[in-house]
Protein backbone atom coordinates (compact mmCIF):
# COMPACT_ATOMS: atom_id res chain seq x y z
CA MET A 1 158.48 135.84 94.63
CA ARG A 2 158.48 132.74 92.34
CA VAL A 3 155.52 129.86 92.27
CA ILE A 4 156.05 127.33 94.58
CA HIS A 5 154.05 123.85 94.32
CA GLU A 6 154.44 121.34 97.13
CA MET A 7 155.12 117.24 95.30
CA LYS A 8 153.56 114.76 96.90
CA LEU A 9 154.66 110.86 97.45
CA THR A 10 151.93 109.47 95.52
CA GLY A 11 153.41 105.33 95.50
CA ARG A 12 156.08 103.21 93.72
CA LEU A 13 155.95 102.31 90.08
CA ALA A 14 156.80 98.80 88.84
CA SER A 15 160.25 100.00 87.35
CA GLY A 16 161.07 100.46 91.77
CA ALA A 17 160.76 104.58 91.43
CA ASP A 18 159.13 106.84 93.40
CA GLU A 19 156.61 108.59 91.91
CA TRP A 20 155.42 111.53 92.68
CA SER A 21 152.86 114.15 91.94
CA CYS A 22 151.33 117.74 92.57
CA PRO A 23 147.73 118.49 93.04
CA THR A 24 147.86 122.22 92.07
CA CYS A 25 149.25 121.58 88.41
CA GLY A 26 149.52 117.58 87.75
CA ARG A 27 153.23 117.43 87.14
CA ARG A 28 154.01 113.80 87.52
CA ILE A 29 157.38 112.63 87.66
CA ALA A 30 159.03 109.14 88.61
CA LEU A 31 162.47 109.24 91.00
CA ARG A 32 164.60 106.20 91.15
CA ARG A 33 166.99 106.92 94.25
CA PRO A 34 170.70 105.76 94.48
CA PRO A 35 173.06 104.06 93.66
CA ASP A 36 171.16 105.30 89.78
CA PRO A 37 169.28 107.68 90.49
CA LYS A 38 167.18 109.28 87.79
CA LEU A 39 164.50 111.41 87.27
CA THR A 40 161.67 110.95 84.40
CA ILE A 41 158.96 113.42 83.75
CA LEU A 42 155.84 111.50 82.88
CA GLU A 43 153.37 114.76 83.33
CA PRO A 44 154.72 118.36 83.06
CA GLY A 45 152.27 120.48 84.56
CA ASP A 46 153.24 123.79 84.54
CA GLU A 47 156.92 124.01 84.15
CA GLY A 48 157.20 127.59 85.22
CA ALA A 49 156.35 126.60 88.75
CA VAL A 50 159.44 125.33 91.39
CA HIS A 51 157.92 121.61 92.51
CA VAL A 52 159.71 120.92 95.91
CA GLY A 53 158.87 117.27 97.26
CA VAL A 54 158.61 117.20 101.34
CA ILE A 55 157.48 114.00 102.72
CA GLU A 56 157.31 115.26 106.18
CA PRO A 57 157.01 118.98 105.82
CA ASN A 58 158.81 120.41 109.29
CA PRO A 59 160.79 123.94 110.42
CA ALA A 60 164.33 122.92 108.91
CA ALA A 61 162.73 122.15 104.85
CA SER A 62 160.98 125.17 105.16
CA ALA A 63 164.11 127.73 106.43
CA ALA A 64 165.98 125.87 103.74
CA ALA A 65 163.11 126.45 100.99
CA GLU A 66 163.18 130.69 102.01
CA LYS A 67 167.29 130.40 102.07
CA TYR A 68 167.10 129.40 97.92
CA GLY A 69 164.31 132.22 97.90
CA LEU A 70 161.60 129.99 97.42
CA GLY A 71 159.68 131.66 100.07
CA PRO A 72 156.22 129.92 101.61
CA VAL A 73 154.55 127.06 99.48
CA GLN A 74 150.99 128.24 98.09
CA GLU A 75 148.46 126.42 96.70
CA ILE A 76 147.21 128.50 93.40
CA PRO A 77 143.91 126.55 92.12
CA ARG A 78 144.52 125.55 88.38
CA PRO A 79 142.17 126.27 85.25
CA PRO A 80 140.52 123.31 83.94
CA ARG A 81 141.71 121.75 80.69
CA PRO A 82 139.76 122.81 77.46
CA ALA A 83 137.85 120.01 76.22
CA GLU A 84 139.22 118.48 73.24
CA PRO A 85 136.99 118.57 70.75
CA ALA A 86 135.26 115.81 69.57
CA ASP A 87 136.65 115.73 65.83
CA PRO A 88 139.89 118.41 65.81
CA ASP A 89 139.30 119.65 62.02
CA ALA A 90 135.31 121.01 62.56
CA ALA A 91 136.48 124.40 62.31
CA ASP A 92 138.94 124.27 59.88
CA ARG A 93 136.30 122.44 57.65
CA ARG A 94 133.45 124.78 58.71
CA TRP A 95 136.20 127.89 57.97
CA LEU A 96 136.42 125.82 54.78
CA ALA A 97 133.13 125.30 53.75
CA GLU A 98 132.19 128.46 54.20
CA ASN A 99 134.73 130.05 51.91
CA GLY A 100 133.80 127.57 49.06
CA ILE A 101 136.48 125.16 49.59
CA ASP A 102 136.52 121.56 48.76
CA TRP A 103 137.71 119.24 51.79
CA ASP A 104 138.95 115.75 50.81
CA GLY A 105 136.15 115.91 48.03
CA ASP A 106 133.35 116.88 50.45
CA ALA A 107 130.99 119.32 48.55
CA ALA A 108 131.42 122.66 50.32
CA ALA A 109 128.47 124.21 51.63
């Protein structure tokens, strides 16, 4: 069974496109309606999941999803993103210093 996340309509952008977001994985898209439709991915989120956007859930929408093998909507907790290190080169600098390698003219430890 595929993992399915439900997208929620969160607002309208200045461009006139609707903004949809997935509270489970953080995926965000801008969807412009016809006559000039366009889909823009703002934040990829979980690209392995199937995302379904439903404004008003109803039995017909659930039946259509099941017809295509999508199954019921599942809420799967998302692990927290790792914090960005203050200095992304800190680990590299430390390793170089431990191995007696000079980094940008700095004296090795």
